[in-house]
Structures are given as structure tokens and as C-alpha cells.
Amino acid sequence: MREVGQNDKKQPRCGVRTGLAVLALATIASGCGQGGTKVEPAGGQQPLQAPPARALDSYADKLRAAHAARVAAAKRWGLKRVPLTAPSPPGKKPRITTRDGFEVDGHRRLGLPPVFTTVPTKEKVVFLTIDDGEEKDPAFLRMMSDLRIPYSAFLSDYLVKEDYGYFARMRDQGVGLHNHTLHHPYLPGLSGAGQRREICGMQKVIEKRYGTRPALFRPPYGNYDGDTLRAAKSCGITHVPLWNEEVFVDRWEYREWDRSLHPGDIVLTHFRGRGDWKGTMPDMVRRFLDKVTAEGYAVARLEDYL
């Protein structure tokens, strides 16, 4: 091993020469050459310019500005608290299985889509899902965009066709548009062929109008049988999310006996307005967000976990 000589001791640590660009970049990141000074790499490479110290200040300013915007949006829409930010999507997706008691005959053997009400996760997140498409409130779109709250829409064509453009704007905001049948029937009351027309027909409508073929399907009223799931699978459906809670303008309803939110719960609501509720969709969103935020939950995007 070579002994450290006098000349070695005189070299500052930030001036250690190396032929590896990785170490040169690490040197810059560690603070060597702050203030915009040049760090000379070995091997005749071009000098690397260390970023000025104010770059970190600029990043911090952006974070503060983003938080200030969320605070302002929460105040503008009348929320009691600023909604929590969801964690990054899981690198490894959780394994989704059918909830006990929700199986049909041959469910696993036939490889039918899982039917579930909660996504297995330890993160304090819930998922907002909205059904049918009757109410087309522009204030709702503005609110969800301002607050940056993710949600998933399950659409029925007999309602959506009144204004396909409304849901195109929703799609452009990053919302997943999924299958809720053509005409919202009670599916177990139909033949297998009738169910297939309802489900596969809506697949075609969404693909034609919005450019993607859904992988998620929710049966109207949450009712299904073996024919439903076989038809859904044949049309390209991979998951059948139901719900664990439902939120309205004036109340919550619960599937579980403890009447509580749980990590990974799917929450249902509907595209409704004053014609059906004692309020508007923004009123419903306020009730939803005030509760989940107060209980320490963030709203995550369902598609990121499937």
C-alpha cells in the first residue's frame, strides 16, 4: 500500500481527481465547488459546473409555493383542513383477491376477476370512486383539479352520452374512466348474453370515445353472478372493485360493523346534484375530505394499486 506523502496531504478533499464521472457528480452534490465554481475532472474531460447554492433555495421555494397553493385551494373550497398528500404508489402492487363471501362458483378455477371492497395496504389511504354520470357539474371538475384529488369514474352510457365532452375533460385531468354498463340494469336478472351486451358494449363506447379500453368494472347496485364475471372477463375486465363506504352530501354509510374507515378502503359516491341530494357535488366532496383528512387519511389513485 502506498504511503500518504506530503503532497497528498496538501490536496483538499473536494479536489480528489478520479476518472469516474459518478464520483465527480458525487463531489458536486456533496458541496464541493459551491457558488458556481468549476470542479476539474481527470482524464481531460470537460470541467463540470457545480450548481449554485441557490438551486436548493429555488427547490424549497417551489415546495413552499405548492403548499401555499394547496392551503389556498382548501380555503377557497371551504374545507376545514388541507387534504393530506398520498404517498408514492407502491413499487410492487398488492395482491388483489376476492373478499370472503363474495365468490361465485368456480371463481378461482375459472380465473374470474376478483371482487373486493378494500385494497390490501398498510398506508393510510382511501380511494374515491364515482358512479354512473348523471350530474355534470363544472364546479366539481374545477374543485378536484384545484385540490388535486384523484378519483375513478364508473360510467353508464345512457347518462354519459348526454355530454361525452364533460368526461373527456375529466380524462384529460388524469381520471380513469371505467365500465358501469350501458343502461345500468340489475345484471343477474338478464341472460348471460344480455349481460355480455351490457358490459362489452360499454367497453366499446369508452374505447371509442376516450381512447382506452377499461380494465375495471363495477356492476350496478353491486349485484352480480357467475355470468356477470364471465362476461366481464371475456370483455377484458381484470378487476371488479365494489366499496366499503358510501358518502352523500349529508351522511356516510358503512359496510363494516365498526362504521370506520380502514387503510385501503374504497369509497363510493355518485354523480348527483340538487335534483337528488340536499346539495351539490362540491358539498359531497367537502364532507368526504373533511372526514378522511381529520382521521389522517390521504386520497390515493385506485389504478396505481392494481
C-alpha atoms as a PDB file:
ATOM      1  CA  MET A   1       0.000   0.000   0.000  1.00  0.00           C
ATOM      2  CA  ARG A   2       1.360   3.467  -0.945  1.00  0.00           C
ATOM      3  CA  GLU A   3       2.069   5.755   1.998  1.00  0.00           C
ATOM      4  CA  VAL A   4       0.417   9.143   2.061  1.00  0.00           C
ATOM      5  CA  GLY A   5       3.041  11.733   1.209  1.00  0.00           C
ATOM      6  CA  GLN A   6       3.300  15.441   1.887  1.00  0.00           C
ATOM      7  CA  ASN A   7       1.778  16.361  -1.477  1.00  0.00           C
ATOM      8  CA  ASP A   8      -1.189  14.127  -0.779  1.00  0.00           C
ATOM      9  CA  LYS A   9      -1.906  15.938   2.463  1.00  0.00           C
ATOM     10  CA  LYS A  10      -1.990  19.304   0.698  1.00  0.00           C
ATOM     11  CA  GLN A  11      -4.771  18.265  -1.668  1.00  0.00           C
ATOM     12  CA  PRO A  12      -8.199  19.423  -0.449  1.00  0.00           C
ATOM     13  CA  ARG A  13     -10.747  16.611  -0.205  1.00  0.00           C
ATOM     14  CA  CYS A  14     -13.002  18.290  -2.771  1.00  0.00           C
ATOM     15  CA  GLY A  15     -10.187  18.229  -5.301  1.00  0.00           C
ATOM     16  CA  VAL A  16      -9.611  14.463  -5.373  1.00  0.00           C
ATOM     17  CA  ARG A  17      -9.167  13.501  -9.024  1.00  0.00           C
ATOM     18  CA  THR A  18     -10.951  10.498 -10.413  1.00  0.00           C
ATOM     19  CA  GLY A  19     -11.645   9.182 -13.857  1.00  0.00           C
ATOM     20  CA  LEU A  20     -15.180   8.152 -12.905  1.00  0.00           C
ATOM     21  CA  ALA A  21     -17.966  10.572 -13.739  1.00  0.00           C
ATOM     22  CA  VAL A  22     -20.057   9.118 -10.919  1.00  0.00           C
ATOM     23  CA  LEU A  23     -17.520  10.268  -8.327  1.00  0.00           C
ATOM     24  CA  ALA A  24     -17.249  13.657  -9.987  1.00  0.00           C
ATOM     25  CA  LEU A  25     -21.005  14.108  -9.739  1.00  0.00           C
ATOM     26  CA  ALA A  26     -20.954  12.918  -6.157  1.00  0.00           C
ATOM     27  CA  THR A  27     -18.316  15.526  -5.396  1.00  0.00           C
ATOM     28  CA  ILE A  28     -20.536  18.262  -6.802  1.00  0.00           C
ATOM     29  CA  ALA A  29     -23.558  17.001  -4.887  1.00  0.00           C
ATOM     30  CA  SER A  30     -21.559  16.909  -1.641  1.00  0.00           C
ATOM     31  CA  GLY A  31     -20.976  20.636  -1.758  1.00  0.00           C
ATOM     32  CA  CYS A  32     -17.567  20.877  -3.429  1.00  0.00           C
ATOM     33  CA  GLY A  33     -17.305  23.880  -5.662  1.00  0.00           C
ATOM     34  CA  GLN A  34     -20.345  25.667  -4.250  1.00  0.00           C
ATOM     35  CA  GLY A  35     -21.233  29.043  -5.623  1.00  0.00           C
ATOM     36  CA  GLY A  36     -20.813  28.025  -9.260  1.00  0.00           C
ATOM     37  CA  THR A  37     -17.063  27.131  -9.220  1.00  0.00           C
ATOM     38  CA  LYS A  38     -15.714  24.557 -11.622  1.00  0.00           C
ATOM     39  CA  VAL A  39     -14.600  21.104 -10.487  1.00  0.00           C
ATOM     40  CA  GLU A  40     -11.816  19.781 -12.718  1.00  0.00           C
ATOM     41  CA  PRO A  41     -12.307  16.079 -13.607  1.00  0.00           C
ATOM     42  CA  ALA A  42      -9.438  13.796 -14.578  1.00  0.00           C
ATOM     43  CA  GLY A  43      -8.744  12.345 -17.994  1.00  0.00           C
ATOM     44  CA  GLY A  44      -9.050  15.561 -19.989  1.00  0.00           C
ATOM     45  CA  GLN A  45     -12.829  15.704 -19.624  1.00  0.00           C
ATOM     46  CA  GLN A  46     -14.696  18.987 -19.764  1.00  0.00           C
ATOM     47  CA  PRO A  47     -14.922  20.745 -16.402  1.00  0.00           C
ATOM     48  CA  LEU A  48     -18.162  20.129 -14.521  1.00  0.00           C
ATOM     49  CA  GLN A  49     -20.033  23.175 -13.285  1.00  0.00           C
ATOM     50  CA  ALA A  50     -21.214  22.811  -9.708  1.00  0.00           C
ATOM     51  CA  PRO A  51     -24.735  24.139  -9.188  1.00  0.00           C
ATOM     52  CA  PRO A  52     -25.010  27.361  -7.229  1.00  0.00           C
ATOM     53  CA  ALA A  53     -26.163  27.042  -3.651  1.00  0.00           C
ATOM     54  CA  ARG A  54     -29.289  28.994  -4.555  1.00  0.00           C
ATOM     55  CA  ALA A  55     -30.563  25.967  -6.552  1.00  0.00           C
ATOM     56  CA  LEU A  56     -31.610  24.364  -3.269  1.00  0.00           C
ATOM     57  CA  ASP A  57     -33.329  27.565  -2.264  1.00  0.00           C
ATOM     58  CA  SER A  58     -35.232  27.526  -5.552  1.00  0.00           C
ATOM     59  CA  TYR A  59     -36.413  23.974  -4.910  1.00  0.00           C
ATOM     60  CA  ALA A  60     -37.508  24.900  -1.396  1.00  0.00           C
ATOM     61  CA  ASP A  61     -39.373  27.883  -2.821  1.00  0.00           C
ATOM     62  CA  LYS A  62     -41.262  25.589  -5.181  1.00  0.00           C
ATOM     63  CA  LEU A  63     -42.265  23.319  -2.309  1.00  0.00           C
ATOM     64  CA  ARG A  64     -43.463  26.287  -0.282  1.00  0.00           C
ATOM     65  CA  ALA A  65     -45.407  27.616  -3.265  1.00  0.00           C
ATOM     66  CA  ALA A  66     -47.063  24.234  -3.859  1.00  0.00           C
ATOM     67  CA  HIS A  67     -48.088  24.011  -0.212  1.00  0.00           C
ATOM     68  CA  ALA A  68     -49.379  27.579  -0.247  1.00  0.00           C
ATOM     69  CA  ALA A  69     -51.461  26.725  -3.327  1.00  0.00           C
ATOM     70  CA  ARG A  70     -52.988  23.721  -1.539  1.00  0.00           C
ATOM     71  CA  VAL A  71     -53.768  25.857   1.501  1.00  0.00           C
ATOM     72  CA  ALA A  72     -55.396  28.494  -0.694  1.00  0.00           C
ATOM     73  CA  ALA A  73     -57.420  25.885  -2.615  1.00  0.00           C
ATOM     74  CA  ALA A  74     -58.639  24.281   0.618  1.00  0.00           C
ATOM     75  CA  LYS A  75     -59.774  27.675   1.878  1.00  0.00           C
ATOM     76  CA  ARG A  76     -61.363  28.593  -1.449  1.00  0.00           C
ATOM     77  CA  TRP A  77     -63.473  25.414  -1.459  1.00  0.00           C
ATOM     78  CA  GLY A  78     -64.465  25.655   2.192  1.00  0.00           C
ATOM     79  CA  LEU A  79     -62.526  22.711   3.621  1.00  0.00           C
ATOM     80  CA  LYS A  80     -61.791  22.533   7.326  1.00  0.00           C
ATOM     81  CA  ARG A  81     -58.258  21.212   6.737  1.00  0.00           C
ATOM     82  CA  VAL A  82     -55.766  20.943   3.907  1.00  0.00           C
ATOM     83  CA  PRO A  83     -56.061  17.447   2.350  1.00  0.00           C
ATOM     84  CA  LEU A  84     -53.122  15.175   3.020  1.00  0.00           C
ATOM     85  CA  THR A  85     -50.835  14.185   0.163  1.00  0.00           C
ATOM     86  CA  ALA A  86     -50.890  10.486  -0.714  1.00  0.00           C
ATOM     87  CA  PRO A  87     -47.619   8.524  -0.572  1.00  0.00           C
ATOM     88  CA  SER A  88     -45.938   7.423  -3.763  1.00  0.00           C
ATOM     89  CA  PRO A  89     -47.619   4.448  -5.463  1.00  0.00           C
ATOM     90  CA  PRO A  90     -46.267   1.071  -4.347  1.00  0.00           C
ATOM     91  CA  GLY A  91     -43.421  -0.293  -6.445  1.00  0.00           C
ATOM     92  CA  LYS A  92     -44.858  -3.769  -6.014  1.00  0.00           C
ATOM     93  CA  LYS A  93     -48.614  -3.899  -6.469  1.00  0.00           C
ATOM     94  CA  PRO A  94     -50.574  -5.645  -3.700  1.00  0.00           C
ATOM     95  CA  ARG A  95     -52.136  -8.991  -4.497  1.00  0.00           C
ATOM     96  CA  ILE A  96     -55.858  -8.461  -5.004  1.00  0.00           C
ATOM     97  CA  THR A  97     -58.164 -11.348  -4.120  1.00  0.00           C
ATOM     98  CA  THR A  98     -61.915 -11.761  -3.874  1.00  0.00           C
ATOM     99  CA  ARG A  99     -63.339 -10.855  -0.485  1.00  0.00           C
ATOM    100  CA  ASP A 100     -64.618 -13.800   1.559  1.00  0.00           C
ATOM    101  CA  GLY A 101     -68.271 -14.396   0.841  1.00  0.00           C
ATOM    102  CA  PHE A 102     -68.172 -12.513  -2.484  1.00  0.00           C
ATOM    103  CA  GLU A 103     -67.107 -15.508  -4.606  1.00  0.00           C
ATOM    104  CA  VAL A 104     -69.172 -17.219  -7.294  1.00  0.00           C
ATOM    105  CA  ASP A 105     -68.978 -20.920  -8.197  1.00  0.00           C
ATOM    106  CA  GLY A 106     -65.662 -21.710  -9.853  1.00  0.00           C
ATOM    107  CA  HIS A 107     -64.309 -18.228  -9.164  1.00  0.00           C
ATOM    108  CA  ARG A 108     -60.674 -19.202  -8.700  1.00  0.00           C
ATOM    109  CA  ARG A 109     -60.736 -22.214 -11.033  1.00  0.00           C
ATOM    110  CA  LEU A 110     -62.058 -20.102 -13.909  1.00  0.00           C
ATOM    111  CA  GLY A 111     -59.710 -17.215 -13.168  1.00  0.00           C
ATOM    112  CA  LEU A 112     -62.579 -14.741 -12.837  1.00  0.00           C
ATOM    113  CA  PRO A 113     -61.836 -11.117 -11.895  1.00  0.00           C
ATOM    114  CA  PRO A 114     -61.501 -10.527  -8.138  1.00  0.00           C
ATOM    115  CA  VAL A 115     -64.368  -8.753  -6.377  1.00  0.00           C
ATOM    116  CA  PHE A 116     -63.125  -6.631  -3.485  1.00  0.00           C
ATOM    117  CA  THR A 117     -64.040  -3.701  -1.238  1.00  0.00           C
ATOM    118  CA  THR A 118     -60.604  -2.837   0.171  1.00  0.00           C
ATOM    119  CA  VAL A 119     -57.108  -2.806  -1.297  1.00  0.00           C
ATOM    120  CA  PRO A 120     -54.549  -4.556   0.954  1.00  0.00           C
ATOM    121  CA  THR A 121     -52.173  -1.821   2.127  1.00  0.00           C
ATOM    122  CA  LYS A 122     -50.769  -0.532   5.405  1.00  0.00           C
ATOM    123  CA  GLU A 123     -50.748   3.045   4.134  1.00  0.00           C
ATOM    124  CA  LYS A 124     -53.449   5.342   5.497  1.00  0.00           C
ATOM    125  CA  VAL A 125     -55.064   5.892   2.115  1.00  0.00           C
ATOM    126  CA  VAL A 126     -58.586   5.562   0.774  1.00  0.00           C
ATOM    127  CA  PHE A 127     -59.861   5.560  -2.804  1.00  0.00           C
ATOM    128  CA  LEU A 128     -62.722   7.704  -4.104  1.00  0.00           C
ATOM    129  CA  THR A 129     -64.897   6.176  -6.839  1.00  0.00           C
ATOM    130  CA  ILE A 130     -67.893   7.864  -8.503  1.00  0.00           C
ATOM    131  CA  ASP A 131     -70.672   6.044 -10.360  1.00  0.00           C
ATOM    132  CA  ASP A 132     -72.992   6.497 -13.342  1.00  0.00           C
ATOM    133  CA  GLY A 133     -72.567  10.025 -14.799  1.00  0.00           C
ATOM    134  CA  GLU A 134     -75.929  11.730 -14.300  1.00  0.00           C
ATOM    135  CA  GLU A 135     -74.736  15.057 -12.846  1.00  0.00           C
ATOM    136  CA  LYS A 136     -72.215  17.003 -14.936  1.00  0.00           C
ATOM    137  CA  ASP A 137     -71.221  19.825 -12.618  1.00  0.00           C
ATOM    138  CA  PRO A 138     -68.364  22.010 -13.947  1.00  0.00           C
ATOM    139  CA  ALA A 139     -67.684  23.261 -10.406  1.00  0.00           C
ATOM    140  CA  PHE A 140     -66.865  19.690  -9.404  1.00  0.00           C
ATOM    141  CA  LEU A 141     -64.216  19.438 -12.121  1.00  0.00           C
ATOM    142  CA  ARG A 142     -62.677  22.738 -11.031  1.00  0.00           C
ATOM    143  CA  MET A 143     -62.682  21.706  -7.382  1.00  0.00           C
ATOM    144  CA  MET A 144     -60.996  18.353  -7.939  1.00  0.00           C
ATOM    145  CA  SER A 145     -58.431  19.943 -10.251  1.00  0.00           C
ATOM    146  CA  ASP A 146     -57.664  22.761  -7.792  1.00  0.00           C
ATOM    147  CA  LEU A 147     -57.294  20.371  -4.869  1.00  0.00           C
ATOM    148  CA  ARG A 148     -55.552  17.687  -6.951  1.00  0.00           C
ATOM    149  CA  ILE A 149     -57.702  14.919  -5.518  1.00  0.00           C
ATOM    150  CA  PRO A 150     -57.587  11.640  -7.510  1.00  0.00           C
ATOM    151  CA  TYR A 151     -60.730   9.625  -8.174  1.00  0.00           C
ATOM    152  CA  SER A 152     -62.029   6.953 -10.543  1.00  0.00           C
ATOM    153  CA  ALA A 153     -65.271   7.186 -12.546  1.00  0.00           C
ATOM    154  CA  PHE A 154     -67.526   4.222 -13.393  1.00  0.00           C
ATOM    155  CA  LEU A 155     -69.781   5.298 -16.248  1.00  0.00           C
ATOM    156  CA  SER A 156     -73.081   4.196 -17.804  1.00  0.00           C
ATOM    157  CA  ASP A 157     -73.591   5.230 -21.410  1.00  0.00           C
ATOM    158  CA  TYR A 158     -77.282   6.130 -21.197  1.00  0.00           C
ATOM    159  CA  LEU A 159     -76.249   9.025 -18.917  1.00  0.00           C
ATOM    160  CA  VAL A 160     -72.794   9.825 -20.263  1.00  0.00           C
ATOM    161  CA  LYS A 161     -73.981  10.249 -23.857  1.00  0.00           C
ATOM    162  CA  GLU A 162     -75.780  13.458 -22.866  1.00  0.00           C
ATOM    163  CA  ASP A 163     -72.351  15.121 -22.727  1.00  0.00           C
ATOM    164  CA  TYR A 164     -69.373  12.965 -23.701  1.00  0.00           C
ATOM    165  CA  GLY A 165     -67.199  16.090 -23.609  1.00  0.00           C
ATOM    166  CA  TYR A 166     -67.624  16.534 -19.855  1.00  0.00           C
ATOM    167  CA  PHE A 167     -65.987  13.186 -19.205  1.00  0.00           C
ATOM    168  CA  ALA A 168     -63.310  13.882 -21.813  1.00  0.00           C
ATOM    169  CA  ARG A 169     -62.288  16.871 -19.700  1.00  0.00           C
ATOM    170  CA  MET A 170     -62.238  14.550 -16.709  1.00  0.00           C
ATOM    171  CA  ARG A 171     -59.997  12.103 -18.590  1.00  0.00           C
ATOM    172  CA  ASP A 172     -57.673  14.980 -19.527  1.00  0.00           C
ATOM    173  CA  GLN A 173     -57.244  15.676 -15.814  1.00  0.00           C
ATOM    174  CA  GLY A 174     -55.913  12.133 -15.343  1.00  0.00           C
ATOM    175  CA  VAL A 175     -59.111  10.472 -14.129  1.00  0.00           C
ATOM    176  CA  GLY A 176     -59.606   6.807 -15.000  1.00  0.00           C
ATOM    177  CA  LEU A 177     -62.890   6.158 -16.836  1.00  0.00           C
ATOM    178  CA  HIS A 178     -64.293   2.677 -16.231  1.00  0.00           C
ATOM    179  CA  ASN A 179     -67.238   0.409 -17.010  1.00  0.00           C
ATOM    180  CA  HIS A 180     -70.637   0.590 -15.271  1.00  0.00           C
ATOM    181  CA  THR A 181     -72.683  -0.963 -18.162  1.00  0.00           C
ATOM    182  CA  LEU A 182     -74.629   0.644 -20.980  1.00  0.00           C
ATOM    183  CA  HIS A 183     -78.003   1.036 -19.251  1.00  0.00           C
ATOM    184  CA  HIS A 184     -77.417   0.332 -15.529  1.00  0.00           C
ATOM    185  CA  PRO A 185     -79.626  -2.793 -15.265  1.00  0.00           C
ATOM    186  CA  TYR A 186     -79.900  -5.342 -12.494  1.00  0.00           C
ATOM    187  CA  LEU A 187     -77.488  -7.755 -14.152  1.00  0.00           C
ATOM    188  CA  PRO A 188     -78.460 -11.079 -12.509  1.00  0.00           C
ATOM    189  CA  GLY A 189     -81.922 -10.574 -13.992  1.00  0.00           C
ATOM    190  CA  LEU A 190     -80.503 -10.777 -17.520  1.00  0.00           C
ATOM    191  CA  SER A 191     -79.359 -13.787 -19.509  1.00  0.00           C
ATOM    192  CA  GLY A 192     -75.656 -14.407 -19.945  1.00  0.00           C
ATOM    193  CA  ALA A 193     -75.837 -12.940 -23.446  1.00  0.00           C
ATOM    194  CA  GLY A 194     -77.732  -9.913 -22.170  1.00  0.00           C
ATOM    195  CA  GLN A 195     -75.121  -9.260 -19.514  1.00  0.00           C
ATOM    196  CA  ARG A 196     -72.372  -9.551 -22.082  1.00  0.00           C
ATOM    197  CA  ARG A 197     -74.066  -6.970 -24.311  1.00  0.00           C
ATOM    198  CA  GLU A 198     -74.284  -4.542 -21.397  1.00  0.00           C
ATOM    199  CA  ILE A 199     -70.680  -4.961 -20.273  1.00  0.00           C
ATOM    200  CA  CYS A 200     -68.876  -5.462 -23.583  1.00  0.00           C
ATOM    201  CA  GLY A 201     -70.981  -2.753 -25.197  1.00  0.00           C
ATOM    202  CA  MET A 202     -69.792  -0.230 -22.627  1.00  0.00           C
ATOM    203  CA  GLN A 203     -66.209  -1.343 -23.203  1.00  0.00           C
ATOM    204  CA  LYS A 204     -66.593  -0.369 -26.851  1.00  0.00           C
ATOM    205  CA  VAL A 205     -68.177   3.000 -26.032  1.00  0.00           C
ATOM    206  CA  ILE A 206     -65.371   4.033 -23.675  1.00  0.00           C
ATOM    207  CA  GLU A 207     -62.678   2.851 -26.060  1.00  0.00           C
ATOM    208  CA  LYS A 208     -64.268   4.721 -28.971  1.00  0.00           C
ATOM    209  CA  ARG A 209     -64.965   7.952 -27.078  1.00  0.00           C
ATOM    210  CA  TYR A 210     -61.951   8.128 -24.767  1.00  0.00           C
ATOM    211  CA  GLY A 211     -59.255   6.022 -26.388  1.00  0.00           C
ATOM    212  CA  THR A 212     -58.750   3.305 -23.778  1.00  0.00           C
ATOM    213  CA  ARG A 213     -60.449   0.008 -23.014  1.00  0.00           C
ATOM    214  CA  PRO A 214     -61.250  -0.198 -19.289  1.00  0.00           C
ATOM    215  CA  ALA A 215     -59.820  -2.905 -17.082  1.00  0.00           C
ATOM    216  CA  LEU A 216     -62.138  -2.101 -14.148  1.00  0.00           C
ATOM    217  CA  PHE A 217     -65.855  -2.815 -13.947  1.00  0.00           C
ATOM    218  CA  ARG A 218     -68.450  -2.175 -11.265  1.00  0.00           C
ATOM    219  CA  PRO A 219     -71.829  -3.914 -11.571  1.00  0.00           C
ATOM    220  CA  PRO A 220     -74.849  -1.652 -10.985  1.00  0.00           C
ATOM    221  CA  TYR A 221     -76.052  -1.761  -7.358  1.00  0.00           C
ATOM    222  CA  GLY A 222     -73.105  -4.064  -6.627  1.00  0.00           C
ATOM    223  CA  ASN A 223     -75.142  -7.071  -7.856  1.00  0.00           C
ATOM    224  CA  TYR A 224     -73.552  -9.824  -9.963  1.00  0.00           C
ATOM    225  CA  ASP A 225     -73.482 -13.553 -10.538  1.00  0.00           C
ATOM    226  CA  GLY A 226     -71.247 -16.035 -12.328  1.00  0.00           C
ATOM    227  CA  ASP A 227     -72.487 -14.928 -15.749  1.00  0.00           C
ATOM    228  CA  THR A 228     -71.584 -11.332 -14.873  1.00  0.00           C
ATOM    229  CA  LEU A 229     -67.981 -12.141 -14.079  1.00  0.00           C
ATOM    230  CA  ARG A 230     -67.567 -14.492 -17.013  1.00  0.00           C
ATOM    231  CA  ALA A 231     -68.887 -11.800 -19.359  1.00  0.00           C
ATOM    232  CA  ALA A 232     -66.646  -9.182 -17.772  1.00  0.00           C
ATOM    233  CA  LYS A 233     -63.573 -11.379 -18.172  1.00  0.00           C
ATOM    234  CA  SER A 234     -64.406 -12.085 -21.815  1.00  0.00           C
ATOM    235  CA  CYS A 235     -64.507  -8.322 -22.457  1.00  0.00           C
ATOM    236  CA  GLY A 236     -61.091  -7.643 -20.923  1.00  0.00           C
ATOM    237  CA  ILE A 237     -62.032  -6.774 -17.334  1.00  0.00           C
ATOM    238  CA  THR A 238     -59.366  -7.669 -14.766  1.00  0.00           C
ATOM    239  CA  HIS A 239     -60.813  -6.228 -11.506  1.00  0.00           C
ATOM    240  CA  VAL A 240     -64.260  -5.663 -10.018  1.00  0.00           C
ATOM    241  CA  PRO A 241     -63.964  -3.106  -7.199  1.00  0.00           C
ATOM    242  CA  LEU A 242     -67.039  -2.631  -5.039  1.00  0.00           C
ATOM    243  CA  TRP A 243     -66.909  -0.383  -1.943  1.00  0.00           C
ATOM    244  CA  ASN A 244     -66.671  -0.349   1.835  1.00  0.00           C
ATOM    245  CA  GLU A 245     -68.238   3.063   2.472  1.00  0.00           C
ATOM    246  CA  GLU A 246     -70.592   5.386   0.616  1.00  0.00           C
ATOM    247  CA  VAL A 247     -70.608   9.147   1.030  1.00  0.00           C
ATOM    248  CA  PHE A 248     -73.510  11.514   0.358  1.00  0.00           C
ATOM    249  CA  VAL A 249     -73.951  15.252   0.827  1.00  0.00           C
ATOM    250  CA  ASP A 250     -75.430  14.785   4.302  1.00  0.00           C
ATOM    251  CA  ARG A 251     -74.110  11.452   5.602  1.00  0.00           C
ATOM    252  CA  TRP A 252     -71.844   8.424   5.322  1.00  0.00           C
ATOM    253  CA  GLU A 253     -72.945   4.790   5.112  1.00  0.00           C
ATOM    254  CA  TYR A 254     -70.763   1.812   6.041  1.00  0.00           C
ATOM    255  CA  ARG A 255     -70.474  -1.852   5.092  1.00  0.00           C
ATOM    256  CA  GLU A 256     -68.494  -2.805   8.224  1.00  0.00           C
ATOM    257  CA  TRP A 257     -69.988  -3.108  11.690  1.00  0.00           C
ATOM    258  CA  ASP A 258     -67.428  -0.715  13.224  1.00  0.00           C
ATOM    259  CA  ARG A 259     -68.565   2.179  10.973  1.00  0.00           C
ATOM    260  CA  SER A 260     -64.973   3.287  10.469  1.00  0.00           C
ATOM    261  CA  LEU A 261     -62.502   3.932   7.689  1.00  0.00           C
ATOM    262  CA  HIS A 262     -59.710   1.414   7.175  1.00  0.00           C
ATOM    263  CA  PRO A 263     -56.453   1.606   5.190  1.00  0.00           C
ATOM    264  CA  GLY A 264     -57.174   0.806   1.553  1.00  0.00           C
ATOM    265  CA  ASP A 265     -60.953   1.237   1.736  1.00  0.00           C
ATOM    266  CA  ILE A 266     -62.820   2.008  -1.477  1.00  0.00           C
ATOM    267  CA  VAL A 267     -65.389   4.785  -1.040  1.00  0.00           C
ATOM    268  CA  LEU A 268     -68.400   5.064  -3.341  1.00  0.00           C
ATOM    269  CA  THR A 269     -70.379   8.132  -4.311  1.00  0.00           C
ATOM    270  CA  HIS A 270     -72.427   9.161  -7.347  1.00  0.00           C
ATOM    271  CA  PHE A 271     -72.603  11.925  -9.908  1.00  0.00           C
ATOM    272  CA  ARG A 272     -75.593  13.651  -8.309  1.00  0.00           C
ATOM    273  CA  GLY A 273     -76.759  17.202  -7.638  1.00  0.00           C
ATOM    274  CA  ARG A 274     -79.596  19.112  -6.052  1.00  0.00           C
ATOM    275  CA  GLY A 275     -82.168  17.140  -8.021  1.00  0.00           C
ATOM    276  CA  ASP A 276     -81.313  14.066  -5.915  1.00  0.00           C
ATOM    277  CA  TRP A 277     -79.369  15.429  -2.936  1.00  0.00           C
ATOM    278  CA  LYS A 278     -79.707  18.277  -0.494  1.00  0.00           C
ATOM    279  CA  GLY A 279     -76.647  19.869  -2.039  1.00  0.00           C
ATOM    280  CA  THR A 280     -74.088  19.705  -4.824  1.00  0.00           C
ATOM    281  CA  MET A 281     -71.150  17.513  -5.745  1.00  0.00           C
ATOM    282  CA  PRO A 282     -68.712  20.037  -4.195  1.00  0.00           C
ATOM    283  CA  ASP A 283     -70.774  19.759  -0.991  1.00  0.00           C
ATOM    284  CA  MET A 284     -70.295  15.982  -1.100  1.00  0.00           C
ATOM    285  CA  VAL A 285     -66.551  16.359  -1.693  1.00  0.00           C
ATOM    286  CA  ARG A 286     -66.288  18.668   1.330  1.00  0.00           C
ATOM    287  CA  ARG A 287     -67.974  16.090   3.546  1.00  0.00           C
ATOM    288  CA  PHE A 288     -65.716  13.358   2.163  1.00  0.00           C
ATOM    289  CA  LEU A 289     -62.443  15.273   2.502  1.00  0.00           C
ATOM    290  CA  ASP A 290     -63.190  16.774   5.905  1.00  0.00           C
ATOM    291  CA  LYS A 291     -63.703  13.307   7.368  1.00  0.00           C
ATOM    292  CA  VAL A 292     -60.815  11.456   5.750  1.00  0.00           C
ATOM    293  CA  THR A 293     -58.363  14.289   6.454  1.00  0.00           C
ATOM    294  CA  ALA A 294     -59.444  14.615  10.092  1.00  0.00           C
ATOM    295  CA  GLU A 295     -58.816  10.886  10.536  1.00  0.00           C
ATOM    296  CA  GLY A 296     -55.345  11.091   8.995  1.00  0.00           C
ATOM    297  CA  TYR A 297     -56.121   9.565   5.594  1.00  0.00           C
ATOM    298  CA  ALA A 298     -54.955  10.714   2.185  1.00  0.00           C
ATOM    299  CA  VAL A 299     -56.807  10.024  -1.058  1.00  0.00           C
ATOM    300  CA  ALA A 300     -54.828   7.841  -3.470  1.00  0.00           C
ATOM    301  CA  ARG A 301     -55.444   6.799  -7.080  1.00  0.00           C
ATOM    302  CA  LEU A 302     -57.026   3.347  -7.223  1.00  0.00           C
ATOM    303  CA  GLU A 303     -55.416   2.437 -10.537  1.00  0.00           C
ATOM    304  CA  ASP A 304     -51.931   2.890  -9.022  1.00  0.00           C
ATOM    305  CA  TYR A 305     -52.563  -0.033  -6.672  1.00  0.00           C
ATOM    306  CA  LEU A 306     -53.993  -2.528  -9.170  1.00  0.00           C
END
